[in-house]
């Protein structure tokens, strides 16, 4: 505790010391025993137990089968973990207890000054010592007997003081317990957020893997169909190349025959023609010329032979099916709404 800071800020060192000895729960001076939390803040054991019980409603007394528990320090919100002994397992702060004893002895030895107690504005020599329940304000005895509160219902000031302090203490305990519950909800929501991110990444990986598998299947099917087209292409082009080769051979033969005939036609003499081309005339015989003229009768290809329309593939239905791909949220939505209904019921 920073006593020096309190002394510098306030005029009276005792007042500064008293502020350091106030419990943040009951707002009273620490009552024995005083327990010290792991964060070095102090609490009355009773107040610490009230906060612990509020944060752990199912935790029972020592010896219970439930072990351990936790609550948050009301001063710094540090989480305090306890064993099966609960707040009785916390260490007592004997130094603070000794300071409280010394402070009380010092206060009891000091004479009470007139200005230390509120005085009545109507009766300057009368101390405010009663509480008007009807008007809900503190007043003095003279006001009750002769003054404005003679017809009102009054009660001892200390009784009302203790009652309101007790009520305020209960409210503080409720607020602290509520804060702990809110902190628990925040932790649950943060865990849910992390789980959502992790599950989303897993779903993305699974979706990518499935689409990659589909892409592999499509690529394999494409390769298979391409090979079939290539095979048909090779068959047709091979057959046409064979025809081209045969037609070229026939054209070459016919060209040689035409050349021989032209040379024979250049002879002007009948004897020379018959004697000089005797060998050629065998080549230029009518059967050979007729046979050569049949070159255009070789095998031909059918009309539309070069078309590859039979290999046309319609992917419209697959395209529509792929575009219609979507997630099936039926089961997830049902589980989500079931969980939400359970939370609402709770």
Foldseek 3Di string as FASTA:
>chain_A
DCLVVLCVVDVDSLVSVLVLQAAPQLRHGADPFWFAFPVRDIHRLVLQVLLFCLQPVPQDAAPDPDWKGWAADPPPRHIGIDTSHRSVPTDTDVVSVVVVVVSVVVVVPDDDDPVVFDAAPVDRVFGFWKAFPVVGGTHGPCCCVPNDNVPTDMGTPVVVVVVVSVVSSVVSSVVRSVVSVVVVVVVVVVVVVVVVVVVVVVVVVVVVVVVVVVVVVVVVVVVVLVVVVVVLVCVLVVVVVVVVVLLVVLVVLVVVLVVLVVVLVVDDDPVCSCVVCVVVVVCVDPVNNVVSVCSVVPDDDDPCSPDPVVSDDDCPVVVVVVVPDDDDCPVVVVVVVVVVVVVVVD
